[in-house]
Amino acid sequence: MAQDITYVGLGDLTIKEGPDGSMFVYGLATDDSLDMDRQRCDAGWLKSAMPAWVQTGANVREQHSPIAAGVGVELSQEGTGWMLKSEVVDPVTQAKVRKGVLKGYSIGIKNAKVIKDAAAPGGRIVAGTIVEVSLVDRPANPTCSAGIAKAYGAELGAVEVSKSDDPNAPENQTG
């Protein structure tokens, strides 16, 4: 049941699209940062929980819904963070990622065990099962944002879009 699942989200995504319509999204899936619920995931617990999620299929959803958006294809630990590369196959989810509607990853934890922690007023998550990772519109970490990248050979380069380049931006509207 949805009430039995705890969600923790982070982001800063990089998107790479192939000429065949494939889309790969890369970013921070989770770490031990304080989130908007003032909770932290325990780094020691994540060290076993994230690889266990990969072993169960590495399912990637959209907005913690039943939509099977894609699958995790690479997972690596960087410090206390877990970087995820996922292939997004659902065309509607792809469009939302491309347009910046979905901005980050968020993990879904079933049967989360939360303990008191002075460094996390909402508690520290020390146990539970990660049952999915979702692409979300508002990651729990408020500093997360999406980055769009273009591929030139094997190199990825960031692309910045200013509002003045956007024909739908208010400053470019007439009337």
Protein backbone atom coordinates (compact mmCIF):
# COMPACT_ATOMS: atom_id res chain seq x y z
CA MET A 1 0.00 0.00 0.00
CA ALA A 2 1.30 3.51 -0.81
CA GLN A 3 1.10 4.60 2.84
CA ASP A 4 3.64 1.91 3.72
CA ILE A 5 6.28 3.41 1.42
CA THR A 6 8.67 6.22 2.36
CA TYR A 7 10.03 8.43 -0.44
CA VAL A 8 13.42 10.17 -0.50
CA GLY A 9 14.37 12.13 -3.62
CA LEU A 10 17.48 13.75 -5.07
CA GLY A 11 18.51 14.81 -8.52
CA ASP A 12 20.71 16.86 -10.83
CA LEU A 13 20.09 14.77 -13.91
CA THR A 14 22.01 14.56 -17.17
CA ILE A 15 20.08 13.35 -20.20
CA LYS A 16 21.62 11.66 -23.24
CA GLU A 17 19.49 10.75 -26.24
CA GLY A 18 20.44 8.46 -29.10
CA PRO A 19 19.38 8.71 -32.75
CA ASP A 20 17.30 5.55 -32.26
CA GLY A 21 15.04 7.32 -29.73
CA SER A 22 16.80 5.87 -26.70
CA MET A 23 17.14 8.08 -23.63
CA PHE A 24 19.59 7.62 -20.78
CA VAL A 25 19.27 9.66 -17.61
CA TYR A 26 22.17 9.94 -15.16
CA GLY A 27 22.13 11.47 -11.72
CA LEU A 28 22.20 11.08 -7.98
CA ALA A 29 19.60 8.53 -6.92
CA THR A 30 20.16 8.93 -3.18
CA ASP A 31 22.68 9.82 -0.49
CA ASP A 32 22.74 10.70 3.20
CA SER A 33 21.81 14.39 2.76
CA LEU A 34 19.08 15.97 4.84
CA ASP A 35 15.91 16.08 2.72
CA MET A 36 12.77 18.27 2.81
CA ASP A 37 11.22 15.91 5.38
CA ARG A 38 14.33 16.56 7.51
CA GLN A 39 15.29 12.89 7.22
CA ARG A 40 18.52 11.22 6.17
CA CYS A 41 19.17 7.81 4.65
CA ASP A 42 21.88 6.01 6.59
CA ALA A 43 24.98 5.60 4.40
CA GLY A 44 25.68 2.13 5.82
CA TRP A 45 22.16 0.95 5.04
CA LEU A 46 22.32 2.39 1.50
CA LYS A 47 25.51 0.41 0.87
CA SER A 48 23.48 -2.80 0.94
CA ALA A 49 20.02 -1.50 -0.02
CA MET A 50 20.94 0.09 -3.36
CA PRO A 51 22.75 -2.99 -4.78
CA ALA A 52 19.86 -5.15 -3.52
CA TRP A 53 17.43 -2.95 -5.54
CA VAL A 54 19.55 -3.56 -8.66
CA GLN A 55 19.45 -7.33 -8.01
CA THR A 56 15.63 -7.24 -7.92
CA GLY A 57 15.36 -5.68 -11.39
CA ALA A 58 16.34 -2.00 -10.99
CA ASN A 59 12.85 -0.79 -11.85
CA VAL A 60 12.46 2.92 -12.64
CA ARG A 61 9.01 4.46 -12.28
CA GLU A 62 7.46 7.87 -12.89
CA GLN A 63 6.34 9.88 -9.84
CA HIS A 64 6.15 6.74 -7.64
CA SER A 65 3.26 5.50 -9.77
CA PRO A 66 2.73 2.11 -11.46
CA ILE A 67 4.15 3.57 -14.71
CA ALA A 68 7.16 1.46 -15.70
CA ALA A 69 9.27 4.29 -17.12
CA GLY A 70 12.51 2.37 -17.58
CA VAL A 71 15.26 0.41 -15.90
CA GLY A 72 18.49 1.15 -14.09
CA VAL A 73 21.47 0.08 -16.21
CA GLU A 74 24.40 1.29 -14.06
CA LEU A 75 24.79 2.06 -10.38
CA SER A 76 27.93 3.37 -8.71
CA GLN A 77 28.79 4.70 -5.29
CA GLU A 78 30.47 8.10 -5.01
CA GLY A 79 31.20 8.94 -1.38
CA THR A 80 27.89 8.48 0.43
CA GLY A 81 25.93 9.00 -2.79
CA TRP A 82 24.61 6.50 -5.31
CA MET A 83 24.76 7.56 -8.97
CA LEU A 84 22.23 5.92 -11.28
CA LYS A 85 22.14 5.67 -15.05
CA SER A 86 18.74 4.54 -16.26
CA GLU A 87 17.30 3.89 -19.68
CA VAL A 88 13.93 5.62 -20.00
CA VAL A 89 11.70 3.78 -22.48
CA ASP A 90 8.25 5.21 -21.82
CA PRO A 91 7.69 7.95 -24.46
CA VAL A 92 5.52 10.11 -22.19
CA THR A 93 8.12 9.96 -19.42
CA GLN A 94 10.82 10.78 -22.00
CA ALA A 95 8.90 13.91 -23.03
CA LYS A 96 8.56 15.00 -19.39
CA VAL A 97 12.29 14.54 -18.80
CA ARG A 98 13.13 16.39 -22.01
CA LYS A 99 10.91 19.35 -21.07
CA GLY A 100 12.28 19.52 -17.52
CA VAL A 101 9.04 18.43 -15.86
CA LEU A 102 10.78 15.47 -14.20
CA LYS A 103 13.88 16.87 -12.50
CA GLY A 104 15.34 14.23 -10.22
CA TYR A 105 15.33 10.75 -8.80
CA SER A 106 13.48 9.62 -5.68
CA ILE A 107 13.72 6.25 -3.96
CA GLY A 108 10.70 4.38 -2.62
CA ILE A 109 11.37 2.48 0.62
CA LYS A 110 8.98 -0.18 1.92
CA ASN A 111 8.95 -0.91 5.66
CA ALA A 112 11.37 1.92 6.40
CA LYS A 113 12.84 1.84 9.90
CA VAL A 114 13.44 5.39 11.10
CA ILE A 115 15.39 6.13 14.27
CA LYS A 116 15.94 9.38 16.18
CA ASP A 117 19.04 11.31 15.16
CA ALA A 118 20.19 14.76 16.28
CA ALA A 119 21.53 15.43 12.76
CA ALA A 120 18.17 14.55 11.20
CA PRO A 121 15.15 16.02 13.04
CA GLY A 122 12.80 13.79 11.00
CA GLY A 123 14.92 10.73 11.74
CA ARG A 124 17.52 8.57 10.04
CA ILE A 125 16.34 5.73 7.77
CA VAL A 126 18.41 2.72 8.80
CA ALA A 127 16.49 -0.20 7.28
CA GLY A 128 13.83 -1.10 4.75
CA THR A 129 13.62 -2.33 1.18
CA ILE A 130 14.08 -0.02 -1.77
CA VAL A 131 11.23 -1.13 -4.03
CA GLU A 132 11.68 1.40 -6.84
CA VAL A 133 13.45 4.52 -7.99
CA SER A 134 11.28 7.16 -9.64
CA LEU A 135 11.85 10.14 -11.87
CA VAL A 136 10.01 12.97 -10.11
CA ASP A 137 9.04 16.60 -10.62
CA ARG A 138 10.04 17.75 -7.15
CA PRO A 139 12.87 15.86 -5.54
CA ALA A 140 13.00 16.01 -1.75
CA ASN A 141 16.36 17.81 -1.99
CA PRO A 142 15.34 21.38 -2.94
CA THR A 143 18.73 22.20 -4.50
CA CYS A 144 18.39 19.56 -7.21
CA SER A 145 17.88 20.58 -10.82
CA ALA A 146 18.03 18.88 -14.19
CA GLY A 147 20.81 19.41 -16.65
CA ILE A 148 20.37 18.79 -20.35
CA ALA A 149 23.39 17.54 -22.24
CA LYS A 150 24.19 16.95 -25.88
CA ALA A 151 26.51 14.17 -26.92
CA TYR A 152 29.40 14.74 -29.30
CA GLY A 153 31.02 11.35 -29.73
CA ALA A 154 31.73 10.08 -26.23
CA GLU A 155 31.75 13.57 -24.69
CA LEU A 156 28.77 15.10 -22.93
CA GLY A 157 28.48 18.87 -22.83
CA ALA A 158 26.04 20.89 -20.74
CA VAL A 159 23.53 23.09 -22.54
CA GLU A 160 22.23 26.24 -20.87
CA VAL A 161 18.92 27.66 -22.04
CA SER A 162 18.14 31.21 -20.98
CA LYS A 163 14.57 32.40 -20.78
CA SER A 164 15.27 34.87 -23.58
CA ASP A 165 15.91 31.85 -25.88
CA ASP A 166 12.52 30.41 -25.00
CA PRO A 167 9.77 31.67 -27.34
CA ASN A 168 7.19 30.93 -24.62
CA ALA A 169 8.98 32.94 -21.93
CA PRO A 170 6.92 35.91 -20.65
CA GLU A 171 9.48 38.44 -21.89
CA ASN A 172 9.05 37.03 -25.44
CA GLN A 173 5.24 37.17 -25.46
CA THR A 174 3.38 39.92 -27.27
CA GLY A 175 -0.03 41.35 -26.53
